[in-house]
Amino acid sequence: KYKTLMQEKSDFVMTLAVKGMIPD
């Protein structure tokens, strides 16, 4: 769940969100 992910690795969540918005 994003609740536990935000508590443990919030920098990874942000990187994942940015990665989804640039071309593959």
mmCIF file of all heavy atoms, coordinates in Angstrom:
data_MODEL
# 
_entry.id   MODEL 
# 
loop_
_atom_site.group_PDB 
_atom_site.id 
_atom_site.type_symbol 
_atom_site.label_atom_id 
_atom_site.label_alt_id 
_atom_site.label_comp_id 
_atom_site.label_asym_id 
_atom_site.label_entity_id 
_atom_site.label_seq_id 
_atom_site.pdbx_PDB_ins_code 
_atom_site.Cartn_x 
_atom_site.Cartn_y 
_atom_site.Cartn_z 
_atom_site.occupancy 
_atom_site.B_iso_or_equiv 
_atom_site.pdbx_formal_charge 
_atom_site.auth_seq_id 
_atom_site.auth_comp_id 
_atom_site.auth_asym_id 
_atom_site.auth_atom_id 
_atom_site.pdbx_PDB_model_num 
ATOM 1   N N   . LYS A 1 1  ? 0.843  -1.196 0.000   1.00 0.00 ? 1  LYS A N   1 
ATOM 2   C CA  . LYS A 1 1  ? 0.000  0.000  0.000   1.00 0.00 ? 1  LYS A CA  1 
ATOM 3   C C   . LYS A 1 1  ? 0.877  1.244  0.000   1.00 0.00 ? 1  LYS A C   1 
ATOM 4   O O   . LYS A 1 1  ? 1.981  1.243  0.528   1.00 0.00 ? 1  LYS A O   1 
ATOM 5   C CB  . LYS A 1 1  ? -0.904 0.029  1.234   1.00 0.00 ? 1  LYS A CB  1 
ATOM 6   C CG  . LYS A 1 1  ? -2.066 -0.910 1.153   1.00 0.00 ? 1  LYS A CG  1 
ATOM 7   C CD  . LYS A 1 1  ? -3.021 -0.664 2.293   1.00 0.00 ? 1  LYS A CD  1 
ATOM 8   C CE  . LYS A 1 1  ? -4.218 -1.574 2.151   1.00 0.00 ? 1  LYS A CE  1 
ATOM 9   N NZ  . LYS A 1 1  ? -5.186 -1.346 3.204   1.00 0.00 ? 1  LYS A NZ  1 
ATOM 10  N N   . TYR A 1 2  ? 0.348  2.307  -0.585  1.00 0.00 ? 2  TYR A N   1 
ATOM 11  C CA  . TYR A 1 2  ? 1.116  3.542  -0.660  1.00 0.00 ? 2  TYR A CA  1 
ATOM 12  C C   . TYR A 1 2  ? 1.332  4.168  0.719   1.00 0.00 ? 2  TYR A C   1 
ATOM 13  O O   . TYR A 1 2  ? 2.262  4.936  0.897   1.00 0.00 ? 2  TYR A O   1 
ATOM 14  C CB  . TYR A 1 2  ? 0.427  4.536  -1.603  1.00 0.00 ? 2  TYR A CB  1 
ATOM 15  C CG  . TYR A 1 2  ? 1.064  4.545  -2.974  1.00 0.00 ? 2  TYR A CG  1 
ATOM 16  C CD1 . TYR A 1 2  ? 0.974  3.444  -3.814  1.00 0.00 ? 2  TYR A CD1 1 
ATOM 17  C CD2 . TYR A 1 2  ? 1.769  5.634  -3.412  1.00 0.00 ? 2  TYR A CD2 1 
ATOM 18  C CE1 . TYR A 1 2  ? 1.557  3.451  -5.059  1.00 0.00 ? 2  TYR A CE1 1 
ATOM 19  C CE2 . TYR A 1 2  ? 2.366  5.656  -4.660  1.00 0.00 ? 2  TYR A CE2 1 
ATOM 20  C CZ  . TYR A 1 2  ? 2.254  4.556  -5.480  1.00 0.00 ? 2  TYR A CZ  1 
ATOM 21  O OH  . TYR A 1 2  ? 2.860  4.570  -6.710  1.00 0.00 ? 2  TYR A OH  1 
ATOM 22  N N   . LYS A 1 3  ? 0.493  3.832  1.688   1.00 0.00 ? 3  LYS A N   1 
ATOM 23  C CA  . LYS A 1 3  ? 0.679  4.380  3.036   1.00 0.00 ? 3  LYS A CA  1 
ATOM 24  C C   . LYS A 1 3  ? 2.006  3.907  3.622   1.00 0.00 ? 3  LYS A C   1 
ATOM 25  O O   . LYS A 1 3  ? 2.787  4.705  4.138   1.00 0.00 ? 3  LYS A O   1 
ATOM 26  C CB  . LYS A 1 3  ? -0.486 3.958  3.930   1.00 0.00 ? 3  LYS A CB  1 
ATOM 27  C CG  . LYS A 1 3  ? -0.423 4.554  5.305   1.00 0.00 ? 3  LYS A CG  1 
ATOM 28  C CD  . LYS A 1 3  ? -1.666 4.228  6.092   1.00 0.00 ? 3  LYS A CD  1 
ATOM 29  C CE  . LYS A 1 3  ? -1.649 4.970  7.403   1.00 0.00 ? 3  LYS A CE  1 
ATOM 30  N NZ  . LYS A 1 3  ? -2.900 4.818  8.130   1.00 0.00 ? 3  LYS A NZ  1 
ATOM 31  N N   . THR A 1 4  ? 2.291  2.612  3.514   1.00 0.00 ? 4  THR A N   1 
ATOM 32  C CA  . THR A 1 4  ? 3.551  2.095  4.034   1.00 0.00 ? 4  THR A CA  1 
ATOM 33  C C   . THR A 1 4  ? 4.716  2.505  3.143   1.00 0.00 ? 4  THR A C   1 
ATOM 34  O O   . THR A 1 4  ? 5.816  2.771  3.638   1.00 0.00 ? 4  THR A O   1 
ATOM 35  C CB  . THR A 1 4  ? 3.515  0.564  4.148   1.00 0.00 ? 4  THR A CB  1 
ATOM 36  O OG1 . THR A 1 4  ? 3.238  0.003  2.864   1.00 0.00 ? 4  THR A OG1 1 
ATOM 37  C CG2 . THR A 1 4  ? 2.454  0.118  5.129   1.00 0.00 ? 4  THR A CG2 1 
ATOM 38  N N   . LEU A 1 5  ? 4.476  2.596  1.849   1.00 0.00 ? 5  LEU A N   1 
ATOM 39  C CA  . LEU A 1 5  ? 5.530  2.994  0.927   1.00 0.00 ? 5  LEU A CA  1 
ATOM 40  C C   . LEU A 1 5  ? 5.940  4.439  1.158   1.00 0.00 ? 5  LEU A C   1 
ATOM 41  O O   . LEU A 1 5  ? 7.125  4.777  1.095   1.00 0.00 ? 5  LEU A O   1 
ATOM 42  C CB  . LEU A 1 5  ? 5.047  2.794  -0.507  1.00 0.00 ? 5  LEU A CB  1 
ATOM 43  C CG  . LEU A 1 5  ? 6.093  2.598  -1.581  1.00 0.00 ? 5  LEU A CG  1 
ATOM 44  C CD1 . LEU A 1 5  ? 6.959  1.393  -1.274  1.00 0.00 ? 5  LEU A CD1 1 
ATOM 45  C CD2 . LEU A 1 5  ? 5.439  2.430  -2.931  1.00 0.00 ? 5  LEU A CD2 1 
ATOM 46  N N   . MET A 1 6  ? 4.981  5.311  1.449   1.00 0.00 ? 6  MET A N   1 
ATOM 47  C CA  . MET A 1 6  ? 5.284  6.719  1.710   1.00 0.00 ? 6  MET A CA  1 
ATOM 48  C C   . MET A 1 6  ? 6.042  6.881  3.020   1.00 0.00 ? 6  MET A C   1 
ATOM 49  O O   . MET A 1 6  ? 6.864  7.779  3.158   1.00 0.00 ? 6  MET A O   1 
ATOM 50  C CB  . MET A 1 6  ? 4.007  7.558  1.748   1.00 0.00 ? 6  MET A CB  1 
ATOM 51  C CG  . MET A 1 6  ? 3.393  7.809  0.398   1.00 0.00 ? 6  MET A CG  1 
ATOM 52  S SD  . MET A 1 6  ? 4.438  8.755  -0.693  1.00 0.00 ? 6  MET A SD  1 
ATOM 53  C CE  . MET A 1 6  ? 4.477  10.306 0.131   1.00 0.00 ? 6  MET A CE  1 
ATOM 54  N N   . GLN A 1 7  ? 5.778  6.043  4.006   1.00 0.00 ? 7  GLN A N   1 
ATOM 55  C CA  . GLN A 1 7  ? 6.487  6.128  5.279   1.00 0.00 ? 7  GLN A CA  1 
ATOM 56  C C   . GLN A 1 7  ? 7.919  5.630  5.155   1.00 0.00 ? 7  GLN A C   1 
ATOM 57  O O   . GLN A 1 7  ? 8.829  6.172  5.777   1.00 0.00 ? 7  GLN A O   1 
ATOM 58  C CB  . GLN A 1 7  ? 5.751  5.319  6.346   1.00 0.00 ? 7  GLN A CB  1 
ATOM 59  C CG  . GLN A 1 7  ? 4.435  5.925  6.748   1.00 0.00 ? 7  GLN A CG  1 
ATOM 60  C CD  . GLN A 1 7  ? 3.625  4.984  7.618   1.00 0.00 ? 7  GLN A CD  1 
ATOM 61  O OE1 . GLN A 1 7  ? 3.983  3.823  7.801   1.00 0.00 ? 7  GLN A OE1 1 
ATOM 62  N NE2 . GLN A 1 7  ? 2.512  5.483  8.138   1.00 0.00 ? 7  GLN A NE2 1 
ATOM 63  N N   . GLU A 1 8  ? 8.129  4.598  4.347   1.00 0.00 ? 8  GLU A N   1 
ATOM 64  C CA  . GLU A 1 8  ? 9.452  3.985  4.258   1.00 0.00 ? 8  GLU A CA  1 
ATOM 65  C C   . GLU A 1 8  ? 10.317 4.563  3.142   1.00 0.00 ? 8  GLU A C   1 
ATOM 66  O O   . GLU A 1 8  ? 11.486 4.852  3.349   1.00 0.00 ? 8  GLU A O   1 
ATOM 67  C CB  . GLU A 1 8  ? 9.297  2.468  4.062   1.00 0.00 ? 8  GLU A CB  1 
ATOM 68  C CG  . GLU A 1 8  ? 8.640  1.789  5.239   1.00 0.00 ? 8  GLU A CG  1 
ATOM 69  C CD  . GLU A 1 8  ? 8.259  0.355  4.931   1.00 0.00 ? 8  GLU A CD  1 
ATOM 70  O OE1 . GLU A 1 8  ? 8.612  -0.138 3.835   1.00 0.00 ? 8  GLU A OE1 1 
ATOM 71  O OE2 . GLU A 1 8  ? 7.617  -0.267 5.779   1.00 0.00 ? 8  GLU A OE2 1 
ATOM 72  N N   . LYS A 1 9  ? 9.748  4.696  1.928   1.00 0.00 ? 9  LYS A N   1 
ATOM 73  C CA  . LYS A 1 9  ? 10.537 5.116  0.762   1.00 0.00 ? 9  LYS A CA  1 
ATOM 74  C C   . LYS A 1 9  ? 9.793  6.176  -0.043  1.00 0.00 ? 9  LYS A C   1 
ATOM 75  O O   . LYS A 1 9  ? 9.381  5.929  -1.175  1.00 0.00 ? 9  LYS A O   1 
ATOM 76  C CB  . LYS A 1 9  ? 10.821 3.913  -0.139  1.00 0.00 ? 9  LYS A CB  1 
ATOM 77  C CG  . LYS A 1 9  ? 11.658 2.842  0.495   1.00 0.00 ? 9  LYS A CG  1 
ATOM 78  C CD  . LYS A 1 9  ? 12.116 1.831  -0.527  1.00 0.00 ? 9  LYS A CD  1 
ATOM 79  C CE  . LYS A 1 9  ? 11.082 0.748  -0.697  1.00 0.00 ? 9  LYS A CE  1 
ATOM 80  N NZ  . LYS A 1 9  ? 11.532 -0.330 -1.577  1.00 0.00 ? 9  LYS A NZ  1 
ATOM 81  N N   . SER A 1 10 ? 9.635  7.361  0.524   1.00 0.00 ? 10 SER A N   1 
ATOM 82  C CA  . SER A 1 10 ? 8.901  8.405  -0.190  1.00 0.00 ? 10 SER A CA  1 
ATOM 83  C C   . SER A 1 10 ? 9.691  8.928  -1.390  1.00 0.00 ? 10 SER A C   1 
ATOM 84  O O   . SER A 1 10 ? 9.096  9.399  -2.366  1.00 0.00 ? 10 SER A O   1 
ATOM 85  C CB  . SER A 1 10 ? 8.557  9.552  0.751   1.00 0.00 ? 10 SER A CB  1 
ATOM 86  O OG  . SER A 1 10 ? 9.727  10.169 1.237   1.00 0.00 ? 10 SER A OG  1 
ATOM 87  N N   . ASP A 1 11 ? 11.020 8.836  -1.348  1.00 0.00 ? 11 ASP A N   1 
ATOM 88  C CA  . ASP A 1 11 ? 11.812 9.265  -2.497  1.00 0.00 ? 11 ASP A CA  1 
ATOM 89  C C   . ASP A 1 11 ? 11.624 8.321  -3.682  1.00 0.00 ? 11 ASP A C   1 
ATOM 90  O O   . ASP A 1 11 ? 11.592 8.755  -4.833  1.00 0.00 ? 11 ASP A O   1 
ATOM 91  C CB  . ASP A 1 11 ? 13.287 9.380  -2.120  1.00 0.00 ? 11 ASP A CB  1 
ATOM 92  C CG  . ASP A 1 11 ? 13.819 8.148  -1.413  1.00 0.00 ? 11 ASP A CG  1 
ATOM 93  O OD1 . ASP A 1 11 ? 13.006 7.317  -0.951  1.00 0.00 ? 11 ASP A OD1 1 
ATOM 94  O OD2 . ASP A 1 11 ? 15.046 8.007  -1.312  1.00 0.00 ? 11 ASP A OD2 1 
ATOM 95  N N   . PHE A 1 12 ? 11.431 7.030  -3.414  1.00 0.00 ? 12 PHE A N   1 
ATOM 96  C CA  . PHE A 1 12 ? 11.168 6.067  -4.469  1.00 0.00 ? 12 PHE A CA  1 
ATOM 97  C C   . PHE A 1 12 ? 9.812  6.323  -5.114  1.00 0.00 ? 12 PHE A C   1 
ATOM 98  O O   . PHE A 1 12 ? 9.662  6.198  -6.333  1.00 0.00 ? 12 PHE A O   1 
ATOM 99  C CB  . PHE A 1 12 ? 11.235 4.643  -3.903  1.00 0.00 ? 12 PHE A CB  1 
ATOM 100 C CG  . PHE A 1 12 ? 10.804 3.580  -4.872  1.00 0.00 ? 12 PHE A CG  1 
ATOM 101 C CD1 . PHE A 1 12 ? 11.614 3.239  -5.942  1.00 0.00 ? 12 PHE A CD1 1 
ATOM 102 C CD2 . PHE A 1 12 ? 9.597  2.926  -4.724  1.00 0.00 ? 12 PHE A CD2 1 
ATOM 103 C CE1 . PHE A 1 12 ? 11.220 2.269  -6.843  1.00 0.00 ? 12 PHE A CE1 1 
ATOM 104 C CE2 . PHE A 1 12 ? 9.191  1.957  -5.617  1.00 0.00 ? 12 PHE A CE2 1 
ATOM 105 C CZ  . PHE A 1 12 ? 10.009 1.623  -6.678  1.00 0.00 ? 12 PHE A CZ  1 
ATOM 106 N N   . VAL A 1 13 ? 8.815  6.697  -4.297  1.00 0.00 ? 13 VAL A N   1 
ATOM 107 C CA  . VAL A 1 13 ? 7.475  6.990  -4.815  1.00 0.00 ? 13 VAL A CA  1 
ATOM 108 C C   . VAL A 1 13 ? 7.529  8.173  -5.771  1.00 0.00 ? 13 VAL A C   1 
ATOM 109 O O   . VAL A 1 13 ? 6.913  8.160  -6.841  1.00 0.00 ? 13 VAL A O   1 
ATOM 110 C CB  . VAL A 1 13 ? 6.490  7.254  -3.653  1.00 0.00 ? 13 VAL A CB  1 
ATOM 111 C CG1 . VAL A 1 13 ? 5.148  7.736  -4.169  1.00 0.00 ? 13 VAL A CG1 1 
ATOM 112 C CG2 . VAL A 1 13 ? 6.308  6.007  -2.815  1.00 0.00 ? 13 VAL A CG2 1 
ATOM 113 N N   . MET A 1 14 ? 8.282  9.202  -5.398  1.00 0.00 ? 14 MET A N   1 
ATOM 114 C CA  . MET A 1 14 ? 8.397  10.382 -6.260  1.00 0.00 ? 14 MET A CA  1 
ATOM 115 C C   . MET A 1 14 ? 9.123  10.042 -7.561  1.00 0.00 ? 14 MET A C   1 
ATOM 116 O O   . MET A 1 14 ? 8.708  10.460 -8.641  1.00 0.00 ? 14 MET A O   1 
ATOM 117 C CB  . MET A 1 14 ? 9.125  11.505 -5.525  1.00 0.00 ? 14 MET A CB  1 
ATOM 118 C CG  . MET A 1 14 ? 9.219  12.776 -6.311  1.00 0.00 ? 14 MET A CG  1 
ATOM 119 S SD  . MET A 1 14 ? 7.639  13.507 -6.743  1.00 0.00 ? 14 MET A SD  1 
ATOM 120 C CE  . MET A 1 14 ? 7.152  14.161 -5.172  1.00 0.00 ? 14 MET A CE  1 
ATOM 121 N N   . THR A 1 15 ? 10.178 9.269  -7.479  1.00 0.00 ? 15 THR A N   1 
ATOM 122 C CA  . THR A 1 15 ? 10.906 8.855  -8.675  1.00 0.00 ? 15 THR A CA  1 
ATOM 123 C C   . THR A 1 15 ? 10.014 8.035  -9.592  1.00 0.00 ? 15 THR A C   1 
ATOM 124 O O   . THR A 1 15 ? 10.050 8.193  -10.817 1.00 0.00 ? 15 THR A O   1 
ATOM 125 C CB  . THR A 1 15 ? 12.158 8.048  -8.292  1.00 0.00 ? 15 THR A CB  1 
ATOM 126 O OG1 . THR A 1 15 ? 12.934 8.802  -7.372  1.00 0.00 ? 15 THR A OG1 1 
ATOM 127 C CG2 . THR A 1 15 ? 12.993 7.708  -9.500  1.00 0.00 ? 15 THR A CG2 1 
ATOM 128 N N   . LEU A 1 16 ? 9.203  7.172  -9.015  1.00 0.00 ? 16 LEU A N   1 
ATOM 129 C CA  . LEU A 1 16 ? 8.287  6.344  -9.786  1.00 0.00 ? 16 LEU A CA  1 
ATOM 130 C C   . LEU A 1 16 ? 7.237  7.194  -10.494 1.00 0.00 ? 16 LEU A C   1 
ATOM 131 O O   . LEU A 1 16 ? 6.895  6.947  -11.657 1.00 0.00 ? 16 LEU A O   1 
ATOM 132 C CB  . LEU A 1 16 ? 7.611  5.341  -8.852  1.00 0.00 ? 16 LEU A CB  1 
ATOM 133 C CG  . LEU A 1 16 ? 6.914  4.149  -9.463  1.00 0.00 ? 16 LEU A CG  1 
ATOM 134 C CD1 . LEU A 1 16 ? 7.948  3.254  -10.118 1.00 0.00 ? 16 LEU A CD1 1 
ATOM 135 C CD2 . LEU A 1 16 ? 6.151  3.393  -8.404  1.00 0.00 ? 16 LEU A CD2 1 
ATOM 136 N N   . ALA A 1 17 ? 6.743  8.234  -9.813  1.00 0.00 ? 17 ALA A N   1 
ATOM 137 C CA  . ALA A 1 17 ? 5.745  9.118  -10.414 1.00 0.00 ? 17 ALA A CA  1 
ATOM 138 C C   . ALA A 1 17 ? 6.345  9.919  -11.572 1.00 0.00 ? 17 ALA A C   1 
ATOM 139 O O   . ALA A 1 17 ? 5.704  10.088 -12.614 1.00 0.00 ? 17 ALA A O   1 
ATOM 140 C CB  . ALA A 1 17 ? 5.179  10.065 -9.357  1.00 0.00 ? 17 ALA A CB  1 
ATOM 141 N N   . VAL A 1 18 ? 7.568  10.398 -11.398 1.00 0.00 ? 18 VAL A N   1 
ATOM 142 C CA  . VAL A 1 18 ? 8.228  11.158 -12.471 1.00 0.00 ? 18 VAL A CA  1 
ATOM 143 C C   . VAL A 1 18 ? 8.550  10.233 -13.644 1.00 0.00 ? 18 VAL A C   1 
ATOM 144 O O   . VAL A 1 18 ? 8.384  10.603 -14.807 1.00 0.00 ? 18 VAL A O   1 
ATOM 145 C CB  . VAL A 1 18 ? 9.499  11.845 -11.944 1.00 0.00 ? 18 VAL A CB  1 
ATOM 146 C CG1 . VAL A 1 18 ? 10.282 12.482 -13.074 1.00 0.00 ? 18 VAL A CG1 1 
ATOM 147 C CG2 . VAL A 1 18 ? 9.148  12.887 -10.902 1.00 0.00 ? 18 VAL A CG2 1 
ATOM 148 N N   . LYS A 1 19 ? 8.977  9.015  -13.336 1.00 0.00 ? 19 LYS A N   1 
ATOM 149 C CA  . LYS A 1 19 ? 9.321  8.055  -14.383 1.00 0.00 ? 19 LYS A CA  1 
ATOM 150 C C   . LYS A 1 19 ? 8.114  7.730  -15.259 1.00 0.00 ? 19 LYS A C   1 
ATOM 151 O O   . LYS A 1 19 ? 8.252  7.530  -16.468 1.00 0.00 ? 19 LYS A O   1 
ATOM 152 C CB  . LYS A 1 19 ? 9.854  6.774  -13.744 1.00 0.00 ? 19 LYS A CB  1 
ATOM 153 C CG  . LYS A 1 19 ? 10.282 5.727  -14.739 1.00 0.00 ? 19 LYS A CG  1 
ATOM 154 C CD  . LYS A 1 19 ? 10.791 4.487  -14.042 1.00 0.00 ? 19 LYS A CD  1 
ATOM 155 C CE  . LYS A 1 19 ? 11.163 3.438  -15.060 1.00 0.00 ? 19 LYS A CE  1 
ATOM 156 N NZ  . LYS A 1 19 ? 11.603 2.195  -14.414 1.00 0.00 ? 19 LYS A NZ  1 
ATOM 157 N N   . GLY A 1 20 ? 6.937  7.709  -14.666 1.00 0.00 ? 20 GLY A N   1 
ATOM 158 C CA  . GLY A 1 20 ? 5.730  7.430  -15.434 1.00 0.00 ? 20 GLY A CA  1 
ATOM 159 C C   . GLY A 1 20 ? 5.312  8.562  -16.345 1.00 0.00 ? 20 GLY A C   1 
ATOM 160 O O   . GLY A 1 20 ? 4.443  8.387  -17.201 1.00 0.00 ? 20 GLY A O   1 
ATOM 161 N N   . MET A 1 21 ? 5.907  9.734  -16.181 1.00 0.00 ? 21 MET A N   1 
ATOM 162 C CA  . MET A 1 21 ? 5.510  10.901 -16.973 1.00 0.00 ? 21 MET A CA  1 
ATOM 163 C C   . MET A 1 21 ? 6.526  11.291 -18.037 1.00 0.00 ? 21 MET A C   1 
ATOM 164 O O   . MET A 1 21 ? 6.337  12.298 -18.718 1.00 0.00 ? 21 MET A O   1 
ATOM 165 C CB  . MET A 1 21 ? 5.260  12.079 -16.040 1.00 0.00 ? 21 MET A CB  1 
ATOM 166 C CG  . MET A 1 21 ? 4.097  11.837 -15.139 1.00 0.00 ? 21 MET A CG  1 
ATOM 167 S SD  . MET A 1 21 ? 3.750  13.216 -14.116 1.00 0.00 ? 21 MET A SD  1 
ATOM 168 C CE  . MET A 1 21 ? 2.494  12.518 -13.065 1.00 0.00 ? 21 MET A CE  1 
ATOM 169 N N   . ILE A 1 22 ? 7.591  10.528 -18.173 1.00 0.00 ? 22 ILE A N   1 
ATOM 170 C CA  . ILE A 1 22 ? 8.535  10.779 -19.259 1.00 0.00 ? 22 ILE A CA  1 
ATOM 171 C C   . ILE A 1 22 ? 8.479  9.591  -20.223 1.00 0.00 ? 22 ILE A C   1 
ATOM 172 O O   . ILE A 1 22 ? 8.006  8.513  -19.860 1.00 0.00 ? 22 ILE A O   1 
ATOM 173 C CB  . ILE A 1 22 ? 9.974  11.011 -18.733 1.00 0.00 ? 22 ILE A CB  1 
ATOM 174 C CG1 . ILE A 1 22 ? 10.478 9.807  -17.965 1.00 0.00 ? 22 ILE A CG1 1 
ATOM 175 C CG2 . ILE A 1 22 ? 10.059 12.251 -17.887 1.00 0.00 ? 22 ILE A CG2 1 
ATOM 176 C CD1 . ILE A 1 22 ? 11.938 9.907  -17.600 1.00 0.00 ? 22 ILE A CD1 1 
ATOM 177 N N   . PRO A 1 23 ? 8.933  9.750  -21.455 1.00 0.00 ? 23 PRO A N   1 
ATOM 178 C CA  . PRO A 1 23 ? 8.815  8.664  -22.443 1.00 0.00 ? 23 PRO A CA  1 
ATOM 179 C C   . PRO A 1 23 ? 9.614  7.425  -22.057 1.00 0.00 ? 23 PRO A C   1 
ATOM 180 O O   . PRO A 1 23 ? 10.660 7.509  -21.415 1.00 0.00 ? 23 PRO A O   1 
ATOM 181 C CB  . PRO A 1 23 ? 9.394  9.283  -23.721 1.00 0.00 ? 23 PRO A CB  1 
ATOM 182 C CG  . PRO A 1 23 ? 9.429  10.729 -23.497 1.00 0.00 ? 23 PRO A CG  1 
ATOM 183 C CD  . PRO A 1 23 ? 9.491  10.967 -22.033 1.00 0.00 ? 23 PRO A CD  1 
ATOM 184 N N   . ASP A 1 24 ? 9.112  6.265  -22.476 1.00 0.00 ? 24 ASP A N   1 
ATOM 185 C CA  . ASP A 1 24 ? 9.786  4.992  -22.222 1.00 0.00 ? 24 ASP A CA  1 
ATOM 186 C C   . ASP A 1 24 ? 10.758 4.691  -23.359 1.00 0.00 ? 24 ASP A C   1 
ATOM 187 O O   . ASP A 1 24 ? 10.644 3.682  -24.054 1.00 0.00 ? 24 ASP A O   1 
ATOM 188 C CB  . ASP A 1 24 ? 8.771  3.864  -22.094 1.00 0.00 ? 24 ASP A CB  1 
ATOM 189 C CG  . ASP A 1 24 ? 7.873  4.035  -20.894 1.00 0.00 ? 24 ASP A CG  1 
ATOM 190 O OD1 . ASP A 1 24 ? 8.338  4.610  -19.901 1.00 0.00 ? 24 ASP A OD1 1 
ATOM 191 O OD2 . ASP A 1 24 ? 6.704  3.608  -20.951 1.00 0.00 ? 24 ASP A OD2 1 
# 
